[in-house]
Amino acid sequence: FVSSPRHKDLLGRRGHVMTEQIKKMLVLNLLLGLLMPQAVDNWGHFGGLVGGSLAAWVVGPALVAKRSGGIKGLRGHSVLVDEPPLKRWQNMTKEVFSS
């Protein structure tokens, strides 16, 4: 759910389709929870959705297409590089505290 919008440039139409399928599944699960409230804890599922989304946003992959540079055999091609937000935040804090 977090990965598809983050990588919409890389995934294209496939990412949009994946997001739509996940939305449909969320609605179905919510309806089932409302129809069977004694069997399903909706607040637990909602908390898992929010917590999981936040965790995926912070530590999940953030793929970026970059030129391969000096990698032998890949010169002139693009490669996917993972730049998760948590890693960037750690680098920023290191720069702030080291100066």
PDB file of N, CA and C in Angstrom:
ATOM      1  N   PHE A   1       0.822  -1.189   0.000  1.00  0.00           N
ATOM      2  CA  PHE A   1       0.000   0.000   0.000  1.00  0.00           C
ATOM      3  C   PHE A   1       0.865   1.251   0.000  1.00  0.00           C
ATOM      4  N   VAL A   2       1.994   1.194   0.697  1.00  0.00           N
ATOM      5  CA  VAL A   2       2.921   2.330   0.739  1.00  0.00           C
ATOM      6  C   VAL A   2       3.874   2.272  -0.444  1.00  0.00           C
ATOM      7  N   SER A   3       4.279   1.090  -0.804  1.00  0.00           N
ATOM      8  CA  SER A   3       5.285   0.933  -1.848  1.00  0.00           C
ATOM      9  C   SER A   3       4.784   1.351  -3.232  1.00  0.00           C
ATOM     10  N   SER A   4       3.538   1.065  -3.549  1.00  0.00           N
ATOM     11  CA  SER A   4       3.020   1.402  -4.881  1.00  0.00           C
ATOM     12  C   SER A   4       3.027   2.900  -5.170  1.00  0.00           C
ATOM     13  N   PRO A   5       2.468   3.748  -4.281  1.00  0.00           N
ATOM     14  CA  PRO A   5       2.531   5.189  -4.558  1.00  0.00           C
ATOM     15  C   PRO A   5       3.957   5.731  -4.550  1.00  0.00           C
ATOM     16  N   ARG A   6       4.802   5.178  -3.683  1.00  0.00           N
ATOM     17  CA  ARG A   6       6.185   5.654  -3.601  1.00  0.00           C
ATOM     18  C   ARG A   6       6.941   5.374  -4.896  1.00  0.00           C
ATOM     19  N   HIS A   7       6.646   4.262  -5.527  1.00  0.00           N
ATOM     20  CA  HIS A   7       7.365   3.846  -6.733  1.00  0.00           C
ATOM     21  C   HIS A   7       6.520   3.962  -7.992  1.00  0.00           C
ATOM     22  N   LYS A   8       5.570   4.911  -8.014  1.00  0.00           N
ATOM     23  CA  LYS A   8       4.667   5.003  -9.164  1.00  0.00           C
ATOM     24  C   LYS A   8       5.402   5.273 -10.473  1.00  0.00           C
ATOM     25  N   ASP A   9       6.526   5.986 -10.413  1.00  0.00           N
ATOM     26  CA  ASP A   9       7.293   6.229 -11.635  1.00  0.00           C
ATOM     27  C   ASP A   9       7.931   4.949 -12.165  1.00  0.00           C
ATOM     28  N   LEU A  10       8.338   4.072 -11.264  1.00  0.00           N
ATOM     29  CA  LEU A  10       8.975   2.819 -11.674  1.00  0.00           C
ATOM     30  C   LEU A  10       7.954   1.745 -12.046  1.00  0.00           C
ATOM     31  N   LEU A  11       6.825   1.706 -11.330  1.00  0.00           N
ATOM     32  CA  LEU A  11       5.845   0.640 -11.536  1.00  0.00           C
ATOM     33  C   LEU A  11       4.829   0.956 -12.627  1.00  0.00           C
ATOM     34  N   GLY A  12       4.570   2.229 -12.863  1.00  0.00           N
ATOM     35  CA  GLY A  12       3.621   2.618 -13.899  1.00  0.00           C
ATOM     36  C   GLY A  12       2.225   2.103 -13.630  1.00  0.00           C
ATOM     37  N   ARG A  13       1.591   1.605 -14.666  1.00  0.00           N
ATOM     38  CA  ARG A  13       0.203   1.119 -14.572  1.00  0.00           C
ATOM     39  C   ARG A  13       0.084  -0.042 -13.588  1.00  0.00           C
ATOM     40  N   ARG A  14       1.087  -0.896 -13.534  1.00  0.00           N
ATOM     41  CA  ARG A  14       1.063  -2.053 -12.627  1.00  0.00           C
ATOM     42  C   ARG A  14       0.925  -1.601 -11.171  1.00  0.00           C
ATOM     43  N   GLY A  15       1.615  -0.534 -10.802  1.00  0.00           N
ATOM     44  CA  GLY A  15       1.519  -0.012  -9.443  1.00  0.00           C
ATOM     45  C   GLY A  15       0.134   0.509  -9.130  1.00  0.00           C
ATOM     46  N   HIS A  16      -0.509   1.155 -10.116  1.00  0.00           N
ATOM     47  CA  HIS A  16      -1.869   1.660  -9.923  1.00  0.00           C
ATOM     48  C   HIS A  16      -2.839   0.499  -9.718  1.00  0.00           C
ATOM     49  N   VAL A  17      -2.675  -0.552 -10.506  1.00  0.00           N
ATOM     50  CA  VAL A  17      -3.546  -1.730 -10.384  1.00  0.00           C
ATOM     51  C   VAL A  17      -3.360  -2.381  -9.009  1.00  0.00           C
ATOM     52  N   MET A  18      -2.113  -2.492  -8.557  1.00  0.00           N
ATOM     53  CA  MET A  18      -1.853  -3.082  -7.236  1.00  0.00           C
ATOM     54  C   MET A  18      -2.514  -2.257  -6.131  1.00  0.00           C
ATOM     55  N   THR A  19      -2.413  -0.933  -6.213  1.00  0.00           N
ATOM     56  CA  THR A  19      -3.012  -0.063  -5.207  1.00  0.00           C
ATOM     57  C   THR A  19      -4.533  -0.221  -5.194  1.00  0.00           C
ATOM     58  N   GLU A  20      -5.139  -0.295  -6.359  1.00  0.00           N
ATOM     59  CA  GLU A  20      -6.597  -0.469  -6.442  1.00  0.00           C
ATOM     60  C   GLU A  20      -7.028  -1.805  -5.839  1.00  0.00           C
ATOM     61  N   GLN A  21      -6.257  -2.869  -6.071  1.00  0.00           N
ATOM     62  CA  GLN A  21      -6.588  -4.169  -5.495  1.00  0.00           C
ATOM     63  C   GLN A  21      -6.491  -4.142  -3.975  1.00  0.00           C
ATOM     64  N   ILE A  22      -5.490  -3.462  -3.461  1.00  0.00           N
ATOM     65  CA  ILE A  22      -5.328  -3.364  -2.013  1.00  0.00           C
ATOM     66  C   ILE A  22      -6.476  -2.565  -1.409  1.00  0.00           C
ATOM     67  N   LYS A  23      -6.890  -1.496  -2.062  1.00  0.00           N
ATOM     68  CA  LYS A  23      -8.021  -0.700  -1.572  1.00  0.00           C
ATOM     69  C   LYS A  23      -9.293  -1.549  -1.506  1.00  0.00           C
ATOM     70  N   LYS A  24      -9.537  -2.356  -2.538  1.00  0.00           N
ATOM     71  CA  LYS A  24     -10.711  -3.225  -2.546  1.00  0.00           C
ATOM     72  C   LYS A  24     -10.655  -4.222  -1.396  1.00  0.00           C
ATOM     73  N   MET A  25      -9.475  -4.761  -1.122  1.00  0.00           N
ATOM     74  CA  MET A  25      -9.328  -5.718  -0.030  1.00  0.00           C
ATOM     75  C   MET A  25      -9.553  -5.046   1.328  1.00  0.00           C
ATOM     76  N   LEU A  26      -9.088  -3.807   1.467  1.00  0.00           N
ATOM     77  CA  LEU A  26      -9.327  -3.064   2.714  1.00  0.00           C
ATOM     78  C   LEU A  26     -10.815  -2.841   2.949  1.00  0.00           C
ATOM     79  N   VAL A  27     -11.541  -2.457   1.907  1.00  0.00           N
ATOM     80  CA  VAL A  27     -12.989  -2.245   2.031  1.00  0.00           C
ATOM     81  C   VAL A  27     -13.684  -3.557   2.376  1.00  0.00           C
ATOM     82  N   LEU A  28     -13.306  -4.646   1.720  1.00  0.00           N
ATOM     83  CA  LEU A  28     -13.904  -5.949   2.008  1.00  0.00           C
ATOM     84  C   LEU A  28     -13.667  -6.349   3.461  1.00  0.00           C
ATOM     85  N   ASN A  29     -12.441  -6.173   3.947  1.00  0.00           N
ATOM     86  CA  ASN A  29     -12.138  -6.520   5.338  1.00  0.00           C
ATOM     87  C   ASN A  29     -12.910  -5.647   6.314  1.00  0.00           C
ATOM     88  N   LEU A  30     -13.072  -4.368   5.997  1.00  0.00           N
ATOM     89  CA  LEU A  30     -13.845  -3.480   6.859  1.00  0.00           C
ATOM     90  C   LEU A  30     -15.305  -3.934   6.905  1.00  0.00           C
ATOM     91  N   LEU A  31     -15.877  -4.268   5.754  1.00  0.00           N
ATOM     92  CA  LEU A  31     -17.262  -4.738   5.715  1.00  0.00           C
ATOM     93  C   LEU A  31     -17.440  -6.035   6.509  1.00  0.00           C
ATOM     94  N   LEU A  32     -16.502  -6.954   6.350  1.00  0.00           N
ATOM     95  CA  LEU A  32     -16.588  -8.207   7.122  1.00  0.00           C
ATOM     96  C   LEU A  32     -16.507  -7.936   8.620  1.00  0.00           C
ATOM     97  N   GLY A  33     -15.655  -6.980   8.996  1.00  0.00           N
ATOM     98  CA  GLY A  33     -15.542  -6.626  10.401  1.00  0.00           C
ATOM     99  C   GLY A  33     -16.807  -5.996  10.946  1.00  0.00           C
ATOM    100  N   LEU A  34     -17.490  -5.196  10.120  1.00  0.00           N
ATOM    101  CA  LEU A  34     -18.735  -4.576  10.555  1.00  0.00           C
ATOM    102  C   LEU A  34     -19.875  -5.592  10.629  1.00  0.00           C
ATOM    103  N   LEU A  35     -19.848  -6.586   9.751  1.00  0.00           N
ATOM    104  CA  LEU A  35     -20.891  -7.611   9.753  1.00  0.00           C
ATOM    105  C   LEU A  35     -20.700  -8.630  10.875  1.00  0.00           C
ATOM    106  N   MET A  36     -19.471  -8.841  11.308  1.00  0.00           N
ATOM    107  CA  MET A  36     -19.169  -9.807  12.375  1.00  0.00           C
ATOM    108  C   MET A  36     -18.324  -9.130  13.468  1.00  0.00           C
ATOM    109  N   PRO A  37     -18.892  -8.142  14.174  1.00  0.00           N
ATOM    110  CA  PRO A  37     -18.093  -7.382  15.139  1.00  0.00           C
ATOM    111  C   PRO A  37     -17.566  -8.214  16.311  1.00  0.00           C
ATOM    112  N   GLN A  38     -18.283  -9.287  16.675  1.00  0.00           N
ATOM    113  CA  GLN A  38     -17.813 -10.108  17.788  1.00  0.00           C
ATOM    114  C   GLN A  38     -16.626 -10.981  17.396  1.00  0.00           C
ATOM    115  N   ALA A  39     -16.424 -11.215  16.100  1.00  0.00           N
ATOM    116  CA  ALA A  39     -15.354 -12.102  15.645  1.00  0.00           C
ATOM    117  C   ALA A  39     -14.108 -11.345  15.194  1.00  0.00           C
ATOM    118  N   VAL A  40     -14.266 -10.060  14.820  1.00  0.00           N
ATOM    119  CA  VAL A  40     -13.142  -9.306  14.269  1.00  0.00           C
ATOM    120  C   VAL A  40     -12.985  -8.006  15.044  1.00  0.00           C
ATOM    121  N   ASP A  41     -11.759  -7.720  15.446  1.00  0.00           N
ATOM    122  CA  ASP A  41     -11.465  -6.468  16.140  1.00  0.00           C
ATOM    123  C   ASP A  41     -11.047  -5.426  15.102  1.00  0.00           C
ATOM    124  N   ASN A  42     -11.989  -4.569  14.707  1.00  0.00           N
ATOM    125  CA  ASN A  42     -11.698  -3.565  13.680  1.00  0.00           C
ATOM    126  C   ASN A  42     -10.621  -2.590  14.118  1.00  0.00           C
ATOM    127  N   TRP A  43     -10.626  -2.199  15.382  1.00  0.00           N
ATOM    128  CA  TRP A  43      -9.605  -1.256  15.860  1.00  0.00           C
ATOM    129  C   TRP A  43      -8.221  -1.875  15.795  1.00  0.00           C
ATOM    130  N   GLY A  44      -8.133  -3.162  16.060  1.00  0.00           N
ATOM    131  CA  GLY A  44      -6.844  -3.853  15.940  1.00  0.00           C
ATOM    132  C   GLY A  44      -6.348  -3.868  14.501  1.00  0.00           C
ATOM    133  N   HIS A  45      -7.251  -4.121  13.574  1.00  0.00           N
ATOM    134  CA  HIS A  45      -6.871  -4.108  12.168  1.00  0.00           C
ATOM    135  C   HIS A  45      -6.511  -2.703  11.703  1.00  0.00           C
ATOM    136  N   PHE A  46      -7.260  -1.705  12.165  1.00  0.00           N
ATOM    137  CA  PHE A  46      -6.948  -0.327  11.790  1.00  0.00           C
ATOM    138  C   PHE A  46      -5.578   0.086  12.345  1.00  0.00           C
ATOM    139  N   GLY A  47      -5.296  -0.276  13.586  1.00  0.00           N
ATOM    140  CA  GLY A  47      -3.988   0.022  14.176  1.00  0.00           C
ATOM    141  C   GLY A  47      -2.859  -0.672  13.427  1.00  0.00           C
ATOM    142  N   GLY A  48      -3.103  -1.915  13.000  1.00  0.00           N
ATOM    143  CA  GLY A  48      -2.102  -2.630  12.219  1.00  0.00           C
ATOM    144  C   GLY A  48      -1.862  -1.988  10.868  1.00  0.00           C
ATOM    145  N   LEU A  49      -2.923  -1.489  10.253  1.00  0.00           N
ATOM    146  CA  LEU A  49      -2.798  -0.807   8.969  1.00  0.00           C
ATOM    147  C   LEU A  49      -1.986   0.472   9.111  1.00  0.00           C
ATOM    148  N   VAL A  50      -2.322   1.272  10.112  1.00  0.00           N
ATOM    149  CA  VAL A  50      -1.605   2.539  10.318  1.00  0.00           C
ATOM    150  C   VAL A  50      -0.153   2.282  10.736  1.00  0.00           C
ATOM    151  N   GLY A  51       0.042   1.396  11.711  1.00  0.00           N
ATOM    152  CA  GLY A  51       1.402   1.097  12.175  1.00  0.00           C
ATOM    153  C   GLY A  51       2.265   0.475  11.097  1.00  0.00           C
ATOM    154  N   GLY A  52       1.696  -0.463  10.355  1.00  0.00           N
ATOM    155  CA  GLY A  52       2.435  -1.101   9.269  1.00  0.00           C
ATOM    156  C   GLY A  52       2.771  -0.132   8.148  1.00  0.00           C
ATOM    157  N   SER A  53       1.831   0.765   7.840  1.00  0.00           N
ATOM    158  CA  SER A  53       2.087   1.768   6.798  1.00  0.00           C
ATOM    159  C   SER A  53       3.195   2.723   7.215  1.00  0.00           C
ATOM    160  N   LEU A  54       3.153   3.168   8.467  1.00  0.00           N
ATOM    161  CA  LEU A  54       4.214   4.066   8.953  1.00  0.00           C
ATOM    162  C   LEU A  54       5.573   3.371   8.959  1.00  0.00           C
ATOM    163  N   ALA A  55       5.597   2.132   9.418  1.00  0.00           N
ATOM    164  CA  ALA A  55       6.862   1.391   9.437  1.00  0.00           C
ATOM    165  C   ALA A  55       7.388   1.183   8.017  1.00  0.00           C
ATOM    166  N   ALA A  56       6.505   0.851   7.088  1.00  0.00           N
ATOM    167  CA  ALA A  56       6.931   0.648   5.697  1.00  0.00           C
ATOM    168  C   ALA A  56       7.428   1.958   5.091  1.00  0.00           C
ATOM    169  N   TRP A  57       6.815   3.067   5.473  1.00  0.00           N
ATOM    170  CA  TRP A  57       7.238   4.357   4.929  1.00  0.00           C
ATOM    171  C   TRP A  57       8.625   4.737   5.443  1.00  0.00           C
ATOM    172  N   VAL A  58       8.902   4.426   6.718  1.00  0.00           N
ATOM    173  CA  VAL A  58      10.174   4.819   7.321  1.00  0.00           C
ATOM    174  C   VAL A  58      11.311   3.878   6.942  1.00  0.00           C
ATOM    175  N   VAL A  59      11.085   2.579   7.035  1.00  0.00           N
ATOM    176  CA  VAL A  59      12.190   1.636   6.811  1.00  0.00           C
ATOM    177  C   VAL A  59      12.055   0.814   5.536  1.00  0.00           C
ATOM    178  N   GLY A  60      10.957   0.980   4.837  1.00  0.00           N
ATOM    179  CA  GLY A  60      10.749   0.219   3.606  1.00  0.00           C
ATOM    180  C   GLY A  60      11.626   0.723   2.475  1.00  0.00           C
ATOM    181  N   PRO A  61      11.686  -0.029   1.403  1.00  0.00           N
ATOM    182  CA  PRO A  61      12.523   0.386   0.278  1.00  0.00           C
ATOM    183  C   PRO A  61      11.985   1.627  -0.417  1.00  0.00           C
ATOM    184  N   ALA A  62      12.892   2.483  -0.828  1.00  0.00           N
ATOM    185  CA  ALA A  62      12.563   3.649  -1.650  1.00  0.00           C
ATOM    186  C   ALA A  62      13.488   3.572  -2.855  1.00  0.00           C
ATOM    187  N   LEU A  63      13.056   2.856  -3.870  1.00  0.00           N
ATOM    188  CA  LEU A  63      13.905   2.588  -5.023  1.00  0.00           C
ATOM    189  C   LEU A  63      13.989   3.805  -5.935  1.00  0.00           C
ATOM    190  N   VAL A  64      15.205   4.092  -6.375  1.00  0.00           N
ATOM    191  CA  VAL A  64      15.472   5.212  -7.261  1.00  0.00           C
ATOM    192  C   VAL A  64      16.322   4.688  -8.413  1.00  0.00           C
ATOM    193  N   ALA A  65      15.951   5.039  -9.638  1.00  0.00           N
ATOM    194  CA  ALA A  65      16.742   4.642 -10.800  1.00  0.00           C
ATOM    195  C   ALA A  65      17.899   5.618 -10.963  1.00  0.00           C
ATOM    196  N   LYS A  66      19.120   5.090 -10.974  1.00  0.00           N
ATOM    197  CA  LYS A  66      20.317   5.922 -11.141  1.00  0.00           C
ATOM    198  C   LYS A  66      21.196   5.332 -12.226  1.00  0.00           C
ATOM    199  N   ARG A  67      22.013   6.169 -12.812  1.00  0.00           N
ATOM    200  CA  ARG A  67      22.986   5.697 -13.801  1.00  0.00           C
ATOM    201  C   ARG A  67      24.017   4.846 -13.091  1.00  0.00           C
ATOM    202  N   SER A  68      24.460   3.786 -13.763  1.00  0.00           N
ATOM    203  CA  SER A  68      25.353   2.812 -13.129  1.00  0.00           C
ATOM    204  C   SER A  68      26.752   3.345 -12.892  1.00  0.00           C
ATOM    205  N   GLY A  69      27.161   4.387 -13.588  1.00  0.00           N
ATOM    206  CA  GLY A  69      28.494   4.940 -13.365  1.00  0.00           C
ATOM    207  C   GLY A  69      29.585   3.964 -13.739  1.00  0.00           C
ATOM    208  N   GLY A  70      30.403   3.604 -12.767  1.00  0.00           N
ATOM    209  CA  GLY A  70      31.566   2.773 -13.044  1.00  0.00           C
ATOM    210  C   GLY A  70      31.397   1.294 -12.800  1.00  0.00           C
ATOM    211  N   ILE A  71      30.181   0.805 -12.664  1.00  0.00           N
ATOM    212  CA  ILE A  71      29.980  -0.623 -12.429  1.00  0.00           C
ATOM    213  C   ILE A  71      30.274  -1.373 -13.720  1.00  0.00           C
ATOM    214  N   LYS A  72      31.249  -2.262 -13.673  1.00  0.00           N
ATOM    215  CA  LYS A  72      31.681  -2.993 -14.864  1.00  0.00           C
ATOM    216  C   LYS A  72      30.522  -3.801 -15.450  1.00  0.00           C
ATOM    217  N   GLY A  73      30.340  -3.688 -16.741  1.00  0.00           N
ATOM    218  CA  GLY A  73      29.292  -4.416 -17.433  1.00  0.00           C
ATOM    219  C   GLY A  73      27.955  -3.694 -17.460  1.00  0.00           C
ATOM    220  N   LEU A  74      27.814  -2.632 -16.666  1.00  0.00           N
ATOM    221  CA  LEU A  74      26.549  -1.906 -16.623  1.00  0.00           C
ATOM    222  C   LEU A  74      26.689  -0.448 -17.039  1.00  0.00           C
ATOM    223  N   ARG A  75      27.830  -0.075 -17.557  1.00  0.00           N
ATOM    224  CA  ARG A  75      28.044   1.331 -17.911  1.00  0.00           C
ATOM    225  C   ARG A  75      26.968   1.809 -18.871  1.00  0.00           C
ATOM    226  N   GLY A  76      26.393   2.959 -18.571  1.00  0.00           N
ATOM    227  CA  GLY A  76      25.372   3.557 -19.420  1.00  0.00           C
ATOM    228  C   GLY A  76      23.963   3.050 -19.151  1.00  0.00           C
ATOM    229  N   HIS A  77      23.795   2.107 -18.239  1.00  0.00           N
ATOM    230  CA  HIS A  77      22.475   1.580 -17.906  1.00  0.00           C
ATOM    231  C   HIS A  77      22.031   2.128 -16.554  1.00  0.00           C
ATOM    232  N   SER A  78      20.746   2.055 -16.321  1.00  0.00           N
ATOM    233  CA  SER A  78      20.216   2.461 -15.018  1.00  0.00           C
ATOM    234  C   SER A  78      20.137   1.257 -14.092  1.00  0.00           C
ATOM    235  N   VAL A  79      20.365   1.501 -12.826  1.00  0.00           N
ATOM    236  CA  VAL A  79      20.221   0.476 -11.804  1.00  0.00           C
ATOM    237  C   VAL A  79      19.299   1.025 -10.724  1.00  0.00           C
ATOM    238  N   LEU A  80      18.629   0.133  -9.987  1.00  0.00           N
ATOM    239  CA  LEU A  80      17.768   0.551  -8.895  1.00  0.00           C
ATOM    240  C   LEU A  80      18.572   0.589  -7.608  1.00  0.00           C
ATOM    241  N   VAL A  81      18.499   1.716  -6.923  1.00  0.00           N
ATOM    242  CA  VAL A  81      19.221   1.908  -5.674  1.00  0.00           C
ATOM    243  C   VAL A  81      18.191   2.172  -4.575  1.00  0.00           C
ATOM    244  N   ASP A  82      18.364   1.527  -3.436  1.00  0.00           N
ATOM    245  CA  ASP A  82      17.448   1.702  -2.315  1.00  0.00           C
ATOM    246  C   ASP A  82      17.898   2.887  -1.474  1.00  0.00           C
ATOM    247  N   GLU A  83      17.026   3.882  -1.320  1.00  0.00           N
ATOM    248  CA  GLU A  83      17.312   5.043  -0.484  1.00  0.00           C
ATOM    249  C   GLU A  83      16.165   5.262   0.498  1.00  0.00           C
ATOM    250  N   PRO A  84      16.041   4.387   1.533  1.00  0.00           N
ATOM    251  CA  PRO A  84      14.932   4.528   2.476  1.00  0.00           C
ATOM    252  C   PRO A  84      15.043   5.827   3.270  1.00  0.00           C
ATOM    253  N   PRO A  85      13.900   6.425   3.629  1.00  0.00           N
ATOM    254  CA  PRO A  85      13.915   7.683   4.373  1.00  0.00           C
ATOM    255  C   PRO A  85      14.701   7.604   5.680  1.00  0.00           C
ATOM    256  N   LEU A  86      14.652   6.462   6.382  1.00  0.00           N
ATOM    257  CA  LEU A  86      15.371   6.337   7.648  1.00  0.00           C
ATOM    258  C   LEU A  86      16.873   6.476   7.436  1.00  0.00           C
ATOM    259  N   LYS A  87      17.386   5.919   6.365  1.00  0.00           N
ATOM    260  CA  LYS A  87      18.817   6.002   6.071  1.00  0.00           C
ATOM    261  C   LYS A  87      19.219   7.459   5.796  1.00  0.00           C
ATOM    262  N   ARG A  88      18.382   8.181   5.021  1.00  0.00           N
ATOM    263  CA  ARG A  88      18.664   9.594   4.756  1.00  0.00           C
ATOM    264  C   ARG A  88      18.617  10.407   6.035  1.00  0.00           C
ATOM    265  N   TRP A  89      17.654  10.107   6.916  1.00  0.00           N
ATOM    266  CA  TRP A  89      17.535  10.818   8.186  1.00  0.00           C
ATOM    267  C   TRP A  89      18.766  10.575   9.058  1.00  0.00           C
ATOM    268  N   GLN A  90      19.250   9.337   9.091  1.00  0.00           N
ATOM    269  CA  GLN A  90      20.451   9.017   9.859  1.00  0.00           C
ATOM    270  C   GLN A  90      21.649   9.792   9.338  1.00  0.00           C
ATOM    271  N   ASN A  91      21.799   9.880   8.021  1.00  0.00           N
ATOM    272  CA  ASN A  91      22.909  10.632   7.441  1.00  0.00           C
ATOM    273  C   ASN A  91      22.805  12.114   7.772  1.00  0.00           C
ATOM    274  N   MET A  92      21.586  12.666   7.766  1.00  0.00           N
ATOM    275  CA  MET A  92      21.404  14.083   8.104  1.00  0.00           C
ATOM    276  C   MET A  92      21.782  14.346   9.554  1.00  0.00           C
ATOM    277  N   THR A  93      21.389  13.455  10.462  1.00  0.00           N
ATOM    278  CA  THR A  93      21.704  13.673  11.872  1.00  0.00           C
ATOM    279  C   THR A  93      23.205  13.528  12.118  1.00  0.00           C
ATOM    280  N   LYS A  94      23.857  12.630  11.404  1.00  0.00           N
ATOM    281  CA  LYS A  94      25.320  12.506  11.540  1.00  0.00           C
ATOM    282  C   LYS A  94      26.005  13.785  11.125  1.00  0.00           C
ATOM    283  N   GLU A  95      25.533  14.402  10.021  1.00  0.00           N
ATOM    284  CA  GLU A  95      26.138  15.636   9.541  1.00  0.00           C
ATOM    285  C   GLU A  95      25.912  16.764  10.544  1.00  0.00           C
ATOM    286  N   VAL A  96      24.736  16.834  11.143  1.00  0.00           N
ATOM    287  CA  VAL A  96      24.427  17.892  12.097  1.00  0.00           C
ATOM    288  C   VAL A  96      25.277  17.761  13.342  1.00  0.00           C
ATOM    289  N   PHE A  97      25.384  16.540  13.890  1.00  0.00           N
ATOM    290  CA  PHE A  97      26.115  16.348  15.136  1.00  0.00           C
ATOM    291  C   PHE A  97      27.631  16.314  14.949  1.00  0.00           C
ATOM    292  N   SER A  98      28.100  16.060  13.739  1.00  0.00           N
ATOM    293  CA  SER A  98      29.561  16.014  13.536  1.00  0.00           C
ATOM    294  C   SER A  98      30.133  17.393  13.266  1.00  0.00           C
ATOM    295  N   SER A  99      29.299  18.363  12.928  1.00  0.00           N
ATOM    296  CA  SER A  99      29.829  19.705  12.635  1.00  0.00           C
ATOM    297  C   SER A  99      29.866  20.592  13.842  1.00  0.00           C
TER     298      SER A  99
END
